[in-house]
């Protein structure tokens, strides 16, 4: 059974030529270094949160650091 984690992290993103940082929350079953590779639902939510629905440019985000992590539950079915 995989743990489900609640993370508070610092996210970096670019709009135009400027870079911004934002403190965000993430709920995921993946470890922090695999979120950008495997958790597509979370990445879509984060991109929509920082860019909005109508942004037409390139949407790139980077998780800079995890401030804290807490296990909030466990996954019932592990199909992987």
C-alpha atoms as a PDB file:
ATOM      1  CA  UNK A   1       0.000   0.000   0.000  1.00  0.00           C
ATOM      2  CA  UNK A   2       1.384   3.359  -1.052  1.00  0.00           C
ATOM      3  CA  UNK A   3       1.033   6.322   1.303  1.00  0.00           C
ATOM      4  CA  UNK A   4      -0.912   9.389   0.169  1.00  0.00           C
ATOM      5  CA  UNK A   5       1.084  12.521   1.028  1.00  0.00           C
ATOM      6  CA  UNK A   6       0.080  16.132   1.614  1.00  0.00           C
ATOM      7  CA  UNK A   7       2.995  18.359   0.639  1.00  0.00           C
ATOM      8  CA  UNK A   8       3.622  22.068   0.964  1.00  0.00           C
ATOM      9  CA  UNK A   9       6.112  23.083  -1.702  1.00  0.00           C
ATOM     10  CA  UNK A  10       7.619  26.057  -3.509  1.00  0.00           C
ATOM     11  CA  UNK A  11       6.826  26.140  -7.219  1.00  0.00           C
ATOM     12  CA  UNK A  12       8.657  28.148  -9.877  1.00  0.00           C
ATOM     13  CA  UNK A  13       7.013  29.160 -13.155  1.00  0.00           C
ATOM     14  CA  UNK A  14       7.583  31.609 -16.013  1.00  0.00           C
ATOM     15  CA  UNK A  15       5.168  34.053 -17.602  1.00  0.00           C
ATOM     16  CA  UNK A  16       6.722  35.845 -20.502  1.00  0.00           C
ATOM     17  CA  UNK A  17      10.311  36.640 -19.588  1.00  0.00           C
ATOM     18  CA  UNK A  18       9.734  36.838 -15.823  1.00  0.00           C
ATOM     19  CA  UNK A  19      10.092  34.018 -13.289  1.00  0.00           C
ATOM     20  CA  UNK A  20       7.825  33.736 -10.267  1.00  0.00           C
ATOM     21  CA  UNK A  21       7.751  31.598  -7.131  1.00  0.00           C
ATOM     22  CA  UNK A  22       4.609  30.460  -5.334  1.00  0.00           C
ATOM     23  CA  UNK A  23       3.926  28.366  -2.257  1.00  0.00           C
ATOM     24  CA  UNK A  24       1.460  25.598  -3.155  1.00  0.00           C
ATOM     25  CA  UNK A  25      -0.080  22.416  -1.748  1.00  0.00           C
ATOM     26  CA  UNK A  26      -0.008  18.986  -3.383  1.00  0.00           C
ATOM     27  CA  UNK A  27      -1.818  15.746  -2.524  1.00  0.00           C
ATOM     28  CA  UNK A  28      -0.214  12.762  -4.248  1.00  0.00           C
ATOM     29  CA  UNK A  29       0.731   9.109  -3.899  1.00  0.00           C
ATOM     30  CA  UNK A  30       4.081   9.660  -5.651  1.00  0.00           C
ATOM     31  CA  UNK A  31       7.361  10.737  -4.025  1.00  0.00           C
ATOM     32  CA  UNK A  32       8.293  14.400  -4.647  1.00  0.00           C
ATOM     33  CA  UNK A  33      10.928  13.626  -7.304  1.00  0.00           C
ATOM     34  CA  UNK A  34       8.361  11.667  -9.410  1.00  0.00           C
ATOM     35  CA  UNK A  35       5.416  14.104  -9.307  1.00  0.00           C
ATOM     36  CA  UNK A  36       6.358  15.963 -12.502  1.00  0.00           C
ATOM     37  CA  UNK A  37       6.877  12.668 -14.360  1.00  0.00           C
ATOM     38  CA  UNK A  38       3.914  10.556 -13.265  1.00  0.00           C
ATOM     39  CA  UNK A  39       1.142  12.577 -11.594  1.00  0.00           C
ATOM     40  CA  UNK A  40      -0.580  14.230 -14.579  1.00  0.00           C
ATOM     41  CA  UNK A  41      -3.718  15.195 -12.633  1.00  0.00           C
ATOM     42  CA  UNK A  42      -1.753  17.176 -10.075  1.00  0.00           C
ATOM     43  CA  UNK A  43       0.397  18.859 -12.736  1.00  0.00           C
ATOM     44  CA  UNK A  44      -2.722  19.952 -14.665  1.00  0.00           C
ATOM     45  CA  UNK A  45      -4.195  21.422 -11.461  1.00  0.00           C
ATOM     46  CA  UNK A  46      -0.985  23.299 -10.665  1.00  0.00           C
ATOM     47  CA  UNK A  47      -0.671  24.694 -14.203  1.00  0.00           C
ATOM     48  CA  UNK A  48      -4.283  25.877 -14.148  1.00  0.00           C
ATOM     49  CA  UNK A  49      -3.766  27.436 -10.707  1.00  0.00           C
ATOM     50  CA  UNK A  50      -0.725  29.504 -11.740  1.00  0.00           C
ATOM     51  CA  UNK A  51      -1.532  30.219 -15.411  1.00  0.00           C
ATOM     52  CA  UNK A  52      -5.333  30.191 -15.553  1.00  0.00           C
ATOM     53  CA  UNK A  53      -7.511  28.688 -18.278  1.00  0.00           C
ATOM     54  CA  UNK A  54      -6.907  31.289 -20.991  1.00  0.00           C
ATOM     55  CA  UNK A  55      -3.081  31.508 -21.008  1.00  0.00           C
ATOM     56  CA  UNK A  56      -1.820  30.692 -24.515  1.00  0.00           C
ATOM     57  CA  UNK A  57       1.961  30.561 -23.964  1.00  0.00           C
ATOM     58  CA  UNK A  58       4.214  27.739 -22.854  1.00  0.00           C
ATOM     59  CA  UNK A  59       3.259  26.444 -19.409  1.00  0.00           C
ATOM     60  CA  UNK A  60       6.338  25.222 -17.557  1.00  0.00           C
ATOM     61  CA  UNK A  61       6.560  24.587 -13.833  1.00  0.00           C
ATOM     62  CA  UNK A  62       9.314  23.314 -11.534  1.00  0.00           C
ATOM     63  CA  UNK A  63       9.001  22.150  -7.935  1.00  0.00           C
ATOM     64  CA  UNK A  64      11.939  23.843  -6.207  1.00  0.00           C
ATOM     65  CA  UNK A  65      11.618  22.435  -2.708  1.00  0.00           C
ATOM     66  CA  UNK A  66       9.254  20.579  -0.410  1.00  0.00           C
ATOM     67  CA  UNK A  67       8.697  22.571   2.773  1.00  0.00           C
ATOM     68  CA  UNK A  68       6.908  19.828   4.702  1.00  0.00           C
ATOM     69  CA  UNK A  69       5.214  16.502   4.104  1.00  0.00           C
ATOM     70  CA  UNK A  70       2.494  14.636   5.968  1.00  0.00           C
ATOM     71  CA  UNK A  71       0.968  11.182   5.326  1.00  0.00           C
ATOM     72  CA  UNK A  72      -2.829  11.601   5.181  1.00  0.00           C
ATOM     73  CA  UNK A  73      -3.818   8.062   4.196  1.00  0.00           C
ATOM     74  CA  UNK A  74      -2.974   4.968   2.206  1.00  0.00           C
ATOM     75  CA  UNK A  75      -3.992   3.845  -1.272  1.00  0.00           C
ATOM     76  CA  UNK A  76      -6.391   0.858  -1.278  1.00  0.00           C
ATOM     77  CA  UNK A  77      -5.661  -0.621  -4.709  1.00  0.00           C
ATOM     78  CA  UNK A  78      -2.124  -0.601  -6.026  1.00  0.00           C
ATOM     79  CA  UNK A  79      -2.382  -1.472  -9.727  1.00  0.00           C
ATOM     80  CA  UNK A  80       1.207  -0.517 -10.587  1.00  0.00           C
END
